[in-house]
C-alpha atoms as a PDB file:
ATOM      1  CA  MET A   1       0.199   0.083  -0.332  1.00  0.00           C
ATOM      2  CA  GLY A   2       1.259   3.302  -1.010  1.00  0.00           C
ATOM      3  CA  GLU A   3       1.760   6.433   1.016  1.00  0.00           C
ATOM      4  CA  GLU A   4      -0.630   7.962  -1.568  1.00  0.00           C
ATOM      5  CA  ASP A   5      -3.390   5.383  -1.023  1.00  0.00           C
ATOM      6  CA  LYS A   6      -3.610   5.926   2.658  1.00  0.00           C
ATOM      7  CA  LYS A   7      -6.732   8.152   4.379  1.00  0.00           C
ATOM      8  CA  PRO A   8      -5.952  11.700   6.156  1.00  0.00           C
ATOM      9  CA  ALA A   9      -6.089  11.816   9.774  1.00  0.00           C
ATOM     10  CA  PRO A  10      -9.007  14.063  10.695  1.00  0.00           C
ATOM     11  CA  GLY A  11      -7.903  18.158  10.347  1.00  0.00           C
ATOM     12  CA  GLU A  12      -5.337  16.806   8.187  1.00  0.00           C
ATOM     13  CA  ASN A  13      -6.451  18.549   4.305  1.00  0.00           C
ATOM     14  CA  ASP A  14      -4.690  17.247   0.901  1.00  0.00           C
ATOM     15  CA  PHE A  15      -2.447  19.671   0.801  1.00  0.00           C
ATOM     16  CA  SER A  16      -0.604  19.101   4.301  1.00  0.00           C
ATOM     17  CA  ARG A  17      -0.748  15.580   3.688  1.00  0.00           C
ATOM     18  CA  GLN A  18       1.067  15.435  -0.410  1.00  0.00           C
ATOM     19  CA  VAL A  19       3.946  17.930   1.737  1.00  0.00           C
ATOM     20  CA  GLY A  20       4.453  14.865   4.533  1.00  0.00           C
ATOM     21  CA  ILE A  21       4.543  12.690   1.668  1.00  0.00           C
ATOM     22  CA  LYS A  22       7.696  14.687  -0.309  1.00  0.00           C
ATOM     23  CA  ALA A  23       8.931  15.197   3.150  1.00  0.00           C
ATOM     24  CA  ALA A  24       9.266  11.472   3.169  1.00  0.00           C
ATOM     25  CA  ARG A  25      10.461  10.740  -0.086  1.00  0.00           C
ATOM     26  CA  LYS A  26      12.822  13.283  -0.019  1.00  0.00           C
ATOM     27  CA  ILE A  27      14.641  11.688   3.879  1.00  0.00           C
ATOM     28  CA  LYS A  28      14.265   8.516   2.096  1.00  0.00           C
ATOM     29  CA  ALA A  29      16.354  10.140  -1.413  1.00  0.00           C
ATOM     30  CA  GLN A  30      19.235  11.404   0.616  1.00  0.00           C
ATOM     31  CA  ARG A  31      20.076   8.424   2.998  1.00  0.00           C
ATOM     32  CA  ARG A  32      19.975   6.479  -0.404  1.00  0.00           C
ATOM     33  CA  VAL A  33      22.123   9.034  -2.011  1.00  0.00           C
ATOM     34  CA  THR A  34      24.974   9.345   1.310  1.00  0.00           C
ATOM     35  CA  ARG A  35      25.222   5.605   1.317  1.00  0.00           C
ATOM     36  CA  THR A  36      25.658   5.133  -1.814  1.00  0.00           C
ATOM     37  CA  VAL A  37      28.425   7.913  -1.734  1.00  0.00           C
ATOM     38  CA  TRP A  38      30.492   5.780   1.024  1.00  0.00           C
ATOM     39  CA  SER A  39      29.527   2.580  -0.801  1.00  0.00           C
ATOM     40  CA  GLY A  40      30.938   3.958  -3.603  1.00  0.00           C
ATOM     41  CA  PHE A  41      34.527   5.368  -2.259  1.00  0.00           C
ATOM     42  CA  GLY A  42      34.397   1.566  -0.672  1.00  0.00           C
ATOM     43  CA  MET A  43      34.131   0.115  -4.234  1.00  0.00           C
ATOM     44  CA  MET A  44      36.629   1.642  -5.747  1.00  0.00           C
ATOM     45  CA  GLY A  45      39.230   0.844  -2.803  1.00  0.00           C
ATOM     46  CA  LEU A  46      38.250  -2.712  -3.284  1.00  0.00           C
ATOM     47  CA  ILE A  47      37.715  -2.382  -7.357  1.00  0.00           C
ATOM     48  CA  GLY A  48      41.596  -0.858  -6.678  1.00  0.00           C
ATOM     49  CA  TRP A  49      43.325  -4.072  -4.976  1.00  0.00           C
ATOM     50  CA  SER A  50      41.688  -6.635  -6.214  1.00  0.00           C
ATOM     51  CA  VAL A  51      43.257  -5.443  -9.976  1.00  0.00           C
ATOM     52  CA  ALA A  52      46.693  -4.129  -7.936  1.00  0.00           C
ATOM     53  CA  ILE A  53      47.281  -7.199  -5.851  1.00  0.00           C
ATOM     54  CA  PRO A  54      46.941 -10.532  -8.866  1.00  0.00           C
ATOM     55  CA  THR A  55      49.035  -7.942 -11.039  1.00  0.00           C
ATOM     56  CA  LEU A  56      52.023  -7.208  -8.397  1.00  0.00           C
ATOM     57  CA  LEU A  57      51.972 -10.970  -7.153  1.00  0.00           C
ATOM     58  CA  GLY A  58      52.100 -11.916 -10.625  1.00  0.00           C
ATOM     59  CA  ALA A  59      54.957  -9.436 -11.509  1.00  0.00           C
ATOM     60  CA  ALA A  60      56.634 -10.291  -8.221  1.00  0.00           C
ATOM     61  CA  LEU A  61      56.760 -14.312  -9.594  1.00  0.00           C
ATOM     62  CA  GLY A  62      57.434 -14.021 -13.060  1.00  0.00           C
ATOM     63  CA  LEU A  63      60.616 -11.970 -11.432  1.00  0.00           C
ATOM     64  CA  TRP A  64      61.596 -15.279  -9.747  1.00  0.00           C
ATOM     65  CA  LEU A  65      61.059 -17.112 -13.156  1.00  0.00           C
ATOM     66  CA  ASP A  66      62.941 -15.115 -14.682  1.00  0.00           C
ATOM     67  CA  ASP A  67      66.015 -14.777 -12.151  1.00  0.00           C
ATOM     68  CA  ARG A  68      65.022 -18.917 -12.069  1.00  0.00           C
ATOM     69  CA  HIS A  69      65.070 -20.103 -15.802  1.00  0.00           C
ATOM     70  CA  PRO A  70      66.404 -17.085 -18.136  1.00  0.00           C
ATOM     71  CA  GLY A  71      65.562 -17.587 -21.174  1.00  0.00           C
ATOM     72  CA  GLY A  72      63.773 -16.275 -25.148  1.00  0.00           C
ATOM     73  CA  ARG A  73      60.952 -15.343 -22.767  1.00  0.00           C
ATOM     74  CA  SER A  74      59.727 -13.241 -20.216  1.00  0.00           C
ATOM     75  CA  TRP A  75      58.077 -14.959 -17.254  1.00  0.00           C
ATOM     76  CA  THR A  76      57.542 -11.151 -15.837  1.00  0.00           C
ATOM     77  CA  LEU A  77      55.623  -9.424 -18.413  1.00  0.00           C
ATOM     78  CA  ALA A  78      53.592 -12.182 -19.492  1.00  0.00           C
ATOM     79  CA  LEU A  79      52.462 -13.289 -15.544  1.00  0.00           C
ATOM     80  CA  MET A  80      51.961  -9.257 -14.951  1.00  0.00           C
ATOM     81  CA  ALA A  81      49.388  -9.371 -18.067  1.00  0.00           C
ATOM     82  CA  ALA A  82      47.838 -12.558 -16.151  1.00  0.00           C
ATOM     83  CA  GLY A  83      47.502 -11.021 -13.202  1.00  0.00           C
ATOM     84  CA  LEU A  84      45.884  -8.022 -14.719  1.00  0.00           C
ATOM     85  CA  VAL A  85      43.434  -9.863 -16.481  1.00  0.00           C
ATOM     86  CA  LEU A  86      42.789 -12.171 -13.387  1.00  0.00           C
ATOM     87  CA  GLY A  87      42.114  -8.860 -11.620  1.00  0.00           C
ATOM     88  CA  CYS A  88      40.009  -7.190 -14.114  1.00  0.00           C
ATOM     89  CA  PHE A  89      37.525 -10.393 -14.360  1.00  0.00           C
ATOM     90  CA  ASN A  90      37.868 -10.108  -9.978  1.00  0.00           C
ATOM     91  CA  ALA A  91      36.418  -6.465 -10.157  1.00  0.00           C
ATOM     92  CA  TRP A  92      33.928  -7.355 -12.662  1.00  0.00           C
ATOM     93  CA  HIS A  93      32.717  -9.784 -10.581  1.00  0.00           C
ATOM     94  CA  TRP A  94      32.693  -7.294  -7.305  1.00  0.00           C
ATOM     95  CA  VAL A  95      30.474  -4.522  -9.576  1.00  0.00           C
ATOM     96  CA  THR A  96      28.286  -7.246 -11.017  1.00  0.00           C
ATOM     97  CA  LYS A  97      27.351  -7.830  -7.508  1.00  0.00           C
ATOM     98  CA  GLU A  98      27.328  -4.429  -5.748  1.00  0.00           C
ATOM     99  CA  GLU A  99      25.044  -3.856  -8.615  1.00  0.00           C
ATOM    100  CA  GLN A 100      22.719  -6.724  -7.578  1.00  0.00           C
ATOM    101  CA  GLU A 101      22.294  -5.879  -4.458  1.00  0.00           C
ATOM    102  CA  ILE A 102      21.849  -2.058  -5.069  1.00  0.00           C
ATOM    103  CA  HIS A 103      18.955  -3.441  -7.367  1.00  0.00           C
ATOM    104  CA  GLU A 104      17.764  -5.779  -4.904  1.00  0.00           C
ATOM    105  CA  GLN A 105      17.543  -2.887  -1.872  1.00  0.00           C
ATOM    106  CA  GLU A 106      15.841  -0.470  -4.233  1.00  0.00           C
ATOM    107  CA  ALA A 107      13.417  -2.789  -5.022  1.00  0.00           C
ATOM    108  CA  ASP A 108      12.948  -3.298  -1.322  1.00  0.00           C
ATOM    109  CA  ASP A 109      12.813   0.409  -0.503  1.00  0.00           C
ATOM    110  CA  ASP A 110       9.626   0.477  -3.157  1.00  0.00           C
ATOM    111  CA  GLU A 111       7.558  -1.705  -1.665  1.00  0.00           C
END
């Protein structure tokens, strides 16, 4: 049952009821924006680390392999690229998961 469907209280006119509904919507929207901004900052950090860590680990493993087994190919570049791809896939996974949670929360708020 939406807020518009509620019966006005005795002595409450249509204008004051509309003002109350708009005020409630505004407060709800402000809470959602604050939560979204902070979760956005957290998501940027999560995405940054989820890409940087596998890339650095791949580069470190590649350097170690290049020292142990010198040859014609660069393990450092290959494993750094593999770490970057793995990190990007990991970041994509987190972003889609968070996006799905946001849509579920919005659907719950609308009910």
